[in-house]
Amino acid sequence: MAKFRYKAVDSQGKEVLSTVEADSQGAAIEKIRAMKLTPKAIGMVKEDTPDVAATRPAAAAKPKKKGGGDIKLPKFMRGGVKTKDLMIFTRQLATLVDAGLPLLRGLRVLHRQTTNEAMKDALAGMLETVETGNTFSESLANYPKIFNNLYVNMVKAGEAGGVLETVLNRLAEFMEKAEKIKNKVKGAMTYPIVVLTAAVGIVVFLMLAVIPKFQQIFDDLMGGEGMPALTQFVIDLSEWVQEYWPFGLAIVFALVVGIKIFKKTPMGSYLSDVIALKAPGFGPLTQKTVVARLTRTLGTLLSSGVPVLQALGIVKDTTGNQVIAKALQSVHDSVKEGEGMTAPLGASGVFPPMVVSMVEVGEETGALPEMLIRVANTYDDEVDNAVAAMTSIIEPIMIIFLAVVVGGIVIAMFMPLISIIGTIGQQGS
């Protein structure tokens, strides 16, 4: 029989910190509830760990930031865990816990086999924290650069409800779907960026290396005669690039830095988020991506037992778009006042009517989490279709753009040659 340390609240709202012996975490939760207590967090205590519950107040239950099980990672290693590594860790831990392996043993197994140094150090610190009688969610909270607020709160809800393995599986599925959407959007943007970079590189090479040689040939053969307007324009542009390319490079660099600095200001950040939602072509894709991530996050939190107000606060902080976050704050305030989510969602103007309707049905039927997940699945499919459509449109546009730019330069250089060849032919006859 294992020993579990728990935090609970009694009928008067007073926090209780103690231990209970049971065969499993679920049985421990049942015993806690039988004592007319509401569990908030629960974790297994190692056998050789002293019972510190009787020697410290409940307020001291949370591990201190300094010392103890919290390992200070070097700066260059902090936050060095990729989403893929975290996704694999979550899926493996869910499998181990679901198979009946104690949490501590599961963490030790993952600590031994992980190859990511940042994750290995974090797991070592988490093991020490859990072994001293603290909960798994508290150990995760010590590493905010690896485990965000969403992750910690879902684990906390899973511990309180005795469904940690279910929550971990949901987290893994959530991260897998989010990463899938992210990769698809990145993939759609890769092609035009590569083509545009190649076009710029080719044009710069022609301007600096090829066109000056043609200019010398034209000066020698044409003797200062007037050249076609297109050819003269390209030559003038080449001369400008040769003379002022450092100045042009400095302007581009200053614009990039200036835009980045402006985006860090409150007004610039908000304006960039507005543009991201309203930009032709890319705006609808951004909106669908944000809505898919938002509804999946909220639905996953609610189905995991996280209170609706807390879930809305977490989602607001993880949207990545201030316009959407502002709308969610209105929803949060409405729910806090005892009202529904539908009215502020519709009034915000940033959520599609289908989302508002599905949320309304979910509130009326009491199946809001399921409705939110359905919305997320629908918009995942729409993001896939939008990315495919955008890719099919962008590819020919970029090919035509490259052909027009490079082809225009080539034509401009051959127009005087045709004139020269014609003149030589007339003189020969």
Protein backbone atom coordinates (compact mmCIF):
# COMPACT_ATOMS: atom_id res chain seq x y z
CA MET A 1 0.00 0.00 0.00
CA ALA A 2 1.47 3.37 -1.04
CA LYS A 3 1.41 6.67 0.79
CA PHE A 4 0.03 9.77 -0.92
CA ARG A 5 0.46 13.37 0.13
CA TYR A 6 -2.49 15.61 -0.67
CA LYS A 7 -3.82 19.13 -0.51
CA ALA A 8 -7.53 19.48 0.07
CA VAL A 9 -10.17 21.97 1.16
CA ASP A 10 -12.75 21.28 3.86
CA SER A 11 -16.36 22.49 3.96
CA GLN A 12 -15.28 25.82 5.53
CA GLY A 13 -12.76 26.46 2.73
CA LYS A 14 -9.75 25.76 4.96
CA GLU A 15 -6.75 24.17 3.25
CA VAL A 16 -5.64 20.80 4.62
CA LEU A 17 -2.26 19.20 3.96
CA SER A 18 -1.79 15.60 5.04
CA THR A 19 -1.09 12.05 3.86
CA VAL A 20 -3.23 8.98 3.19
CA GLU A 21 -2.41 5.34 2.46
CA ALA A 22 -4.10 3.59 -0.46
CA ASP A 23 -3.50 1.03 -3.19
CA SER A 24 -3.70 3.61 -5.98
CA GLN A 25 -4.13 7.32 -6.58
CA GLY A 26 -7.82 6.82 -7.40
CA ALA A 27 -8.38 4.95 -4.13
CA ALA A 28 -6.57 7.72 -2.25
CA ILE A 29 -8.87 10.32 -3.78
CA GLU A 30 -11.91 8.30 -2.74
CA LYS A 31 -10.61 8.17 0.85
CA ILE A 32 -10.02 11.92 0.84
CA ARG A 33 -13.55 12.56 -0.40
CA ALA A 34 -14.90 10.17 2.20
CA MET A 35 -13.42 12.51 4.82
CA LYS A 36 -15.64 15.27 3.31
CA LEU A 37 -12.63 17.00 1.79
CA THR A 38 -12.25 18.32 -1.74
CA PRO A 39 -8.83 17.29 -3.16
CA LYS A 40 -6.81 19.97 -4.93
CA ALA A 41 -3.58 18.08 -5.58
CA ILE A 42 -2.20 14.66 -4.77
CA GLY A 43 1.13 12.91 -5.25
CA MET A 44 2.80 9.67 -4.19
CA VAL A 45 5.34 9.87 -1.34
CA LYS A 46 8.53 7.85 -1.53
CA GLU A 47 8.73 5.23 1.20
CA ASP A 48 11.85 6.63 2.83
CA THR A 49 10.58 10.22 2.74
CA PRO A 50 9.85 11.62 6.23
CA ASP A 51 6.32 12.80 6.91
CA VAL A 52 6.84 16.52 6.67
CA ALA A 53 3.14 17.35 6.69
CA ALA A 54 3.06 17.40 10.48
CA THR A 55 6.16 19.54 10.75
CA ARG A 56 5.29 22.35 8.38
CA PRO A 57 2.18 24.49 7.71
CA ALA A 58 0.14 24.14 4.53
CA ALA A 59 1.44 27.44 3.21
CA ALA A 60 4.94 25.99 3.12
CA ALA A 61 3.93 23.01 1.01
CA LYS A 62 5.11 24.57 -2.22
CA PRO A 63 8.86 24.11 -2.75
CA LYS A 64 10.97 27.21 -2.50
CA LYS A 65 12.61 28.61 -5.55
CA LYS A 66 16.09 28.23 -4.10
CA GLY A 67 17.58 24.95 -3.03
CA GLY A 68 15.73 21.67 -2.64
CA GLY A 69 14.71 19.92 -5.80
CA ASP A 70 14.85 22.92 -8.11
CA ILE A 71 17.94 22.81 -10.31
CA LYS A 72 19.10 26.09 -11.79
CA LEU A 73 19.82 25.43 -15.44
CA PRO A 74 22.55 27.39 -17.25
CA LYS A 75 21.18 30.28 -19.24
CA PHE A 76 22.13 28.77 -22.57
CA MET A 77 20.15 25.62 -21.70
CA ARG A 78 17.01 27.17 -20.28
CA GLY A 79 14.06 26.75 -22.58
CA GLY A 80 16.05 24.35 -24.76
CA VAL A 81 13.31 21.72 -24.96
CA LYS A 82 11.61 21.57 -28.35
CA THR A 83 7.89 20.96 -28.70
CA LYS A 84 8.62 17.58 -30.24
CA ASP A 85 10.72 16.53 -27.20
CA LEU A 86 8.01 17.69 -24.79
CA MET A 87 5.36 15.89 -26.84
CA ILE A 88 7.33 12.62 -26.73
CA PHE A 89 7.91 12.99 -22.98
CA THR A 90 4.20 13.57 -22.34
CA ARG A 91 3.10 10.64 -24.48
CA GLN A 92 5.64 8.28 -22.87
CA LEU A 93 4.74 9.36 -19.33
CA ALA A 94 1.03 8.91 -20.09
CA THR A 95 1.72 5.39 -21.36
CA LEU A 96 3.76 4.48 -18.27
CA VAL A 97 1.19 5.87 -15.81
CA ASP A 98 -1.68 4.27 -17.73
CA ALA A 99 0.15 0.92 -17.50
CA GLY A 100 0.06 1.17 -13.70
CA LEU A 101 3.64 2.33 -13.14
CA PRO A 102 4.01 4.74 -10.19
CA LEU A 103 4.69 8.31 -11.18
CA LEU A 104 8.13 8.43 -9.55
CA ARG A 105 9.26 5.28 -11.29
CA GLY A 106 7.95 6.57 -14.61
CA LEU A 107 9.90 9.81 -14.18
CA ARG A 108 13.06 7.82 -13.38
CA VAL A 109 12.62 5.72 -16.52
CA LEU A 110 12.23 8.82 -18.68
CA HIS A 111 15.16 10.52 -16.94
CA ARG A 112 17.43 7.60 -17.82
CA GLN A 113 16.42 7.40 -21.48
CA THR A 114 16.05 11.07 -22.49
CA THR A 115 18.87 12.49 -24.60
CA ASN A 116 17.90 16.16 -24.29
CA GLU A 117 20.17 17.68 -21.63
CA ALA A 118 17.74 20.42 -20.65
CA MET A 119 14.92 17.90 -20.18
CA LYS A 120 17.22 15.52 -18.30
CA ASP A 121 18.22 18.25 -15.83
CA ALA A 122 14.58 19.29 -15.41
CA LEU A 123 13.53 15.69 -14.77
CA ALA A 124 16.25 15.33 -12.13
CA GLY A 125 14.93 18.40 -10.32
CA MET A 126 11.32 17.24 -10.67
CA LEU A 127 12.22 13.84 -9.20
CA GLU A 128 13.75 15.45 -6.14
CA THR A 129 10.76 17.76 -5.73
CA VAL A 130 8.19 14.94 -5.96
CA GLU A 131 10.27 12.70 -3.66
CA THR A 132 10.09 15.34 -0.93
CA GLY A 133 6.29 15.04 -0.91
CA ASN A 134 5.25 17.75 -3.34
CA THR A 135 2.83 17.18 -6.19
CA PHE A 136 3.79 16.58 -9.80
CA SER A 137 2.16 19.85 -10.90
CA GLU A 138 4.21 21.77 -8.34
CA SER A 139 7.40 20.24 -9.70
CA LEU A 140 6.38 21.20 -13.23
CA ALA A 141 5.73 24.81 -12.15
CA ASN A 142 9.43 25.17 -11.28
CA TYR A 143 10.28 24.99 -14.99
CA PRO A 144 8.02 27.55 -16.73
CA LYS A 145 10.28 27.71 -19.81
CA ILE A 146 9.55 24.04 -20.47
CA PHE A 147 6.06 23.52 -19.03
CA ASN A 148 3.74 26.44 -19.70
CA ASN A 149 0.72 27.54 -17.68
CA LEU A 150 -1.61 25.37 -19.77
CA TYR A 151 0.45 22.24 -19.12
CA VAL A 152 0.75 22.83 -15.36
CA ASN A 153 -2.94 23.59 -14.85
CA MET A 154 -4.10 20.56 -16.81
CA VAL A 155 -1.80 18.28 -14.77
CA LYS A 156 -3.09 19.90 -11.58
CA ALA A 157 -6.68 19.19 -12.66
CA GLY A 158 -5.73 15.62 -13.52
CA GLU A 159 -4.16 15.09 -10.09
CA ALA A 160 -7.19 16.50 -8.31
CA GLY A 161 -9.56 14.30 -10.31
CA GLY A 162 -7.44 11.17 -10.21
CA VAL A 163 -7.22 11.04 -14.01
CA LEU A 164 -3.60 12.04 -14.55
CA GLU A 165 -3.01 9.49 -17.32
CA THR A 166 -6.10 10.74 -19.20
CA VAL A 167 -4.96 14.36 -18.93
CA LEU A 168 -1.44 13.48 -20.09
CA ASN A 169 -2.88 11.71 -23.13
CA ARG A 170 -5.03 14.74 -23.91
CA LEU A 171 -2.00 17.00 -23.57
CA ALA A 172 0.00 14.82 -25.94
CA GLU A 173 -2.83 14.81 -28.49
CA PHE A 174 -3.25 18.56 -28.12
CA MET A 175 0.46 19.19 -28.75
CA GLU A 176 0.53 16.81 -31.70
CA LYS A 177 -2.37 18.56 -33.42
CA ALA A 178 -0.99 22.03 -32.64
CA GLU A 179 2.42 21.06 -34.03
CA LYS A 180 0.78 19.58 -37.13
CA ILE A 181 -1.04 22.83 -37.90
CA LYS A 182 2.10 24.87 -37.21
CA ASN A 183 4.17 22.73 -39.59
CA LYS A 184 1.56 22.99 -42.33
CA VAL A 185 1.48 26.78 -42.11
CA LYS A 186 5.28 26.90 -42.08
CA GLY A 187 5.38 24.59 -45.07
CA ALA A 188 3.04 26.86 -47.00
CA MET A 189 5.30 29.85 -46.29
CA THR A 190 8.56 28.08 -47.13
CA TYR A 191 8.05 27.93 -50.89
CA PRO A 192 7.36 31.65 -51.52
CA ILE A 193 10.18 32.67 -49.17
CA VAL A 194 12.67 30.42 -50.98
CA VAL A 195 11.55 31.62 -54.41
CA LEU A 196 11.60 35.28 -53.36
CA THR A 197 15.09 34.90 -51.86
CA ALA A 198 16.32 33.22 -55.04
CA ALA A 199 14.80 36.00 -57.16
CA VAL A 200 16.48 38.71 -55.11
CA GLY A 201 19.81 36.87 -55.25
CA ILE A 202 19.61 36.42 -59.04
CA VAL A 203 18.68 40.07 -59.62
CA VAL A 204 21.49 41.35 -57.41
CA PHE A 205 23.98 39.08 -59.20
CA LEU A 206 22.83 40.34 -62.60
CA MET A 207 22.97 43.96 -61.46
CA LEU A 208 26.48 43.70 -60.01
CA ALA A 209 28.23 41.23 -62.30
CA VAL A 210 26.46 40.76 -65.64
CA ILE A 211 24.87 44.07 -66.65
CA PRO A 212 28.09 46.16 -66.24
CA LYS A 213 29.80 43.91 -68.83
CA PHE A 214 26.91 44.33 -71.25
CA GLN A 215 27.10 48.09 -70.70
CA GLN A 216 30.77 48.11 -71.77
CA ILE A 217 29.90 46.13 -74.89
CA PHE A 218 27.08 48.53 -75.76
CA ASP A 219 29.32 51.57 -75.27
CA ASP A 220 31.99 50.10 -77.56
CA LEU A 221 29.67 48.95 -80.32
CA MET A 222 26.98 51.62 -80.30
CA GLY A 223 29.27 54.60 -79.85
CA GLY A 224 27.06 56.42 -77.40
CA GLU A 225 23.89 56.07 -79.46
CA GLY A 226 20.58 56.00 -77.60
CA MET A 227 19.43 52.68 -76.27
CA PRO A 228 15.89 51.33 -75.79
CA ALA A 229 14.07 52.74 -72.77
CA LEU A 230 13.86 49.36 -71.01
CA THR A 231 17.59 48.75 -71.48
CA GLN A 232 18.47 52.23 -70.24
CA PHE A 233 16.27 51.74 -67.18
CA VAL A 234 17.97 48.45 -66.30
CA ILE A 235 21.46 49.97 -66.80
CA ASP A 236 20.58 52.99 -64.63
CA LEU A 237 19.23 50.64 -61.96
CA SER A 238 22.43 48.59 -62.15
CA GLU A 239 24.58 51.72 -61.73
CA TRP A 240 22.52 52.77 -58.73
CA VAL A 241 22.88 49.32 -57.14
CA GLN A 242 26.65 49.30 -57.73
CA GLU A 243 27.08 52.74 -56.19
CA TYR A 244 24.55 52.68 -53.39
CA TRP A 245 24.16 49.00 -52.45
CA PRO A 246 25.60 49.58 -48.93
CA PHE A 247 23.09 52.38 -48.45
CA GLY A 248 20.23 50.20 -49.71
CA LEU A 249 21.34 47.34 -47.46
CA ALA A 250 21.41 49.73 -44.52
CA ILE A 251 17.88 50.92 -45.32
CA VAL A 252 16.57 47.34 -45.44
CA PHE A 253 18.34 46.51 -42.17
CA ALA A 254 16.98 49.66 -40.52
CA LEU A 255 13.45 48.86 -41.69
CA VAL A 256 13.63 45.30 -40.34
CA VAL A 257 15.02 46.45 -36.98
CA GLY A 258 12.56 49.34 -36.80
CA ILE A 259 9.58 47.07 -37.48
CA LYS A 260 10.76 44.62 -34.81
CA ILE A 261 11.20 47.40 -32.26
CA PHE A 262 7.80 48.87 -33.14
CA LYS A 263 6.14 45.46 -32.77
CA LYS A 264 7.50 45.25 -29.21
CA THR A 265 5.62 48.40 -28.23
CA PRO A 266 2.00 48.01 -27.02
CA MET A 267 0.58 49.89 -30.00
CA GLY A 268 2.84 48.15 -32.51
CA SER A 269 2.10 44.72 -31.11
CA TYR A 270 -1.64 45.30 -31.22
CA LEU A 271 -1.47 46.80 -34.73
CA SER A 272 0.53 43.84 -36.05
CA ASP A 273 -2.06 41.45 -34.61
CA VAL A 274 -4.85 43.42 -36.29
CA ILE A 275 -2.99 43.29 -39.62
CA ALA A 276 -2.41 39.56 -39.18
CA LEU A 277 -6.18 39.02 -38.95
CA LYS A 278 -7.16 41.49 -41.69
CA ALA A 279 -4.40 40.97 -44.29
CA PRO A 280 -5.75 39.82 -47.68
CA GLY A 281 -5.12 36.13 -48.25
CA PHE A 282 -3.22 35.48 -45.05
CA GLY A 283 -5.78 37.04 -42.68
CA PRO A 284 -8.43 34.28 -42.95
CA LEU A 285 -5.74 31.63 -42.57
CA THR A 286 -4.43 33.32 -39.42
CA GLN A 287 -7.95 33.61 -38.01
CA LYS A 288 -8.71 29.93 -38.66
CA THR A 289 -5.40 28.85 -37.13
CA VAL A 290 -5.94 30.93 -33.98
CA VAL A 291 -9.56 29.79 -33.61
CA ALA A 292 -8.58 26.13 -34.04
CA ARG A 293 -5.86 26.41 -31.37
CA LEU A 294 -8.06 28.46 -29.03
CA THR A 295 -11.09 26.17 -29.14
CA ARG A 296 -8.98 23.03 -28.79
CA THR A 297 -7.14 24.50 -25.80
CA LEU A 298 -10.35 25.62 -24.09
CA GLY A 299 -12.14 22.35 -24.82
CA THR A 300 -9.20 20.30 -23.52
CA LEU A 301 -8.99 22.35 -20.33
CA LEU A 302 -12.71 22.14 -19.61
CA SER A 303 -12.88 18.39 -20.31
CA SER A 304 -9.92 17.91 -17.95
CA GLY A 305 -11.80 19.53 -15.05
CA VAL A 306 -10.26 23.01 -15.08
CA PRO A 307 -12.84 25.64 -13.93
CA VAL A 308 -14.21 27.74 -16.78
CA LEU A 309 -12.90 31.09 -15.47
CA GLN A 310 -9.42 29.67 -14.93
CA ALA A 311 -9.55 27.99 -18.36
CA LEU A 312 -10.52 31.26 -20.06
CA GLY A 313 -7.64 33.04 -18.31
CA ILE A 314 -5.17 30.41 -19.50
CA VAL A 315 -6.47 30.49 -23.07
CA LYS A 316 -6.34 34.30 -23.12
CA ASP A 317 -2.65 34.19 -22.20
CA THR A 318 -1.79 31.56 -24.83
CA THR A 319 -3.64 32.87 -27.91
CA GLY A 320 -0.65 34.79 -29.27
CA ASN A 321 -2.95 37.50 -30.66
CA GLN A 322 -3.98 40.55 -28.65
CA VAL A 323 -7.19 41.13 -30.61
CA ILE A 324 -8.40 37.63 -29.75
CA ALA A 325 -7.11 38.00 -26.18
CA LYS A 326 -9.12 41.22 -25.75
CA ALA A 327 -12.26 39.44 -26.96
CA LEU A 328 -11.61 36.56 -24.54
CA GLN A 329 -11.23 39.03 -21.68
CA SER A 330 -14.77 40.24 -22.42
CA VAL A 331 -15.96 36.62 -22.37
CA HIS A 332 -14.16 36.08 -19.04
CA ASP A 333 -15.80 39.17 -17.52
CA SER A 334 -19.22 38.06 -18.79
CA VAL A 335 -18.89 34.57 -17.30
CA LYS A 336 -17.61 36.08 -14.05
CA GLU A 337 -20.81 38.11 -13.83
CA GLY A 338 -22.87 34.94 -14.23
CA GLU A 339 -23.73 35.44 -17.88
CA GLY A 340 -23.01 33.19 -20.87
CA MET A 341 -20.16 33.16 -23.36
CA THR A 342 -22.25 33.53 -26.52
CA ALA A 343 -23.10 37.25 -26.37
CA PRO A 344 -19.54 38.61 -25.89
CA LEU A 345 -18.21 36.15 -28.49
CA GLY A 346 -20.67 37.44 -31.08
CA ALA A 347 -20.16 41.09 -30.10
CA SER A 348 -16.38 40.87 -30.49
CA GLY A 349 -16.59 40.51 -34.27
CA VAL A 350 -13.45 38.36 -34.45
CA PHE A 351 -15.06 34.93 -34.13
CA PRO A 352 -16.86 33.36 -37.10
CA PRO A 353 -20.65 32.88 -36.71
CA MET A 354 -20.23 29.09 -36.72
CA VAL A 355 -18.05 29.27 -33.59
CA VAL A 356 -20.59 31.46 -31.81
CA SER A 357 -23.43 29.12 -32.75
CA MET A 358 -21.56 26.00 -31.60
CA VAL A 359 -20.68 27.61 -28.28
CA GLU A 360 -24.34 28.60 -27.80
CA VAL A 361 -25.45 25.02 -28.45
CA GLY A 362 -22.76 23.72 -26.10
CA GLU A 363 -23.88 26.02 -23.29
CA GLU A 364 -27.54 25.09 -23.75
CA THR A 365 -26.89 21.33 -23.84
CA GLY A 366 -24.14 21.25 -21.21
CA ALA A 367 -21.70 19.76 -23.73
CA LEU A 368 -19.47 22.81 -24.21
CA PRO A 369 -16.12 20.92 -24.13
CA GLU A 370 -17.29 18.47 -26.80
CA MET A 371 -18.61 21.30 -28.98
CA LEU A 372 -15.32 23.20 -28.68
CA ILE A 373 -13.34 20.12 -29.74
CA ARG A 374 -15.68 19.70 -32.73
CA VAL A 375 -15.10 23.31 -33.70
CA ALA A 376 -11.35 22.76 -33.41
CA ASN A 377 -11.52 19.67 -35.64
CA THR A 378 -13.57 21.57 -38.21
CA TYR A 379 -11.14 24.46 -38.32
CA ASP A 380 -8.17 22.11 -38.47
CA ASP A 381 -9.66 20.77 -41.70
CA GLU A 382 -10.30 24.31 -42.94
CA VAL A 383 -6.69 25.26 -42.20
CA ASP A 384 -5.54 22.23 -44.22
CA ASN A 385 -7.76 23.27 -47.14
CA ALA A 386 -6.71 26.93 -46.89
CA VAL A 387 -3.01 26.01 -46.84
CA ALA A 388 -3.46 23.73 -49.86
CA ALA A 389 -5.38 26.42 -51.75
CA MET A 390 -2.84 29.11 -50.87
CA THR A 391 0.04 26.89 -51.96
CA SER A 392 -1.62 26.13 -55.29
CA ILE A 393 -2.12 29.87 -55.90
CA ILE A 394 1.26 31.08 -54.63
CA GLU A 395 3.33 28.65 -56.72
CA PRO A 396 2.27 29.93 -60.18
CA ILE A 397 2.31 33.55 -58.95
CA MET A 398 5.90 33.23 -57.76
CA ILE A 399 6.96 31.46 -60.97
CA ILE A 400 5.39 34.22 -63.07
CA PHE A 401 6.99 36.89 -60.85
CA LEU A 402 10.43 35.30 -61.22
CA ALA A 403 9.97 34.89 -64.97
CA VAL A 404 8.89 38.52 -65.42
CA VAL A 405 11.77 39.96 -63.36
CA VAL A 406 14.59 37.82 -64.76
CA GLY A 407 13.06 37.63 -68.24
CA GLY A 408 12.63 41.42 -68.33
CA ILE A 409 16.30 41.93 -67.53
CA VAL A 410 17.38 39.42 -70.18
CA ILE A 411 15.14 41.02 -72.82
CA ALA A 412 16.44 44.47 -71.91
CA MET A 413 20.02 43.27 -72.51
CA PHE A 414 19.25 41.58 -75.84
CA MET A 415 17.29 44.46 -77.39
CA PRO A 416 20.45 46.52 -78.18
CA LEU A 417 22.20 43.37 -79.44
CA ILE A 418 19.41 42.82 -81.96
CA SER A 419 19.81 46.42 -83.11
CA ILE A 420 23.58 46.00 -83.40
CA ILE A 421 23.25 42.75 -85.36
CA GLY A 422 20.78 44.45 -87.71
CA THR A 423 23.16 47.37 -88.30
CA ILE A 424 26.09 45.04 -88.99
CA GLY A 425 23.94 43.10 -91.45
CA GLN A 426 22.99 46.28 -93.33
CA GLN A 427 26.63 47.38 -93.53
CA GLY A 428 27.68 43.96 -94.82
CA SER A 429 25.10 44.06 -97.58
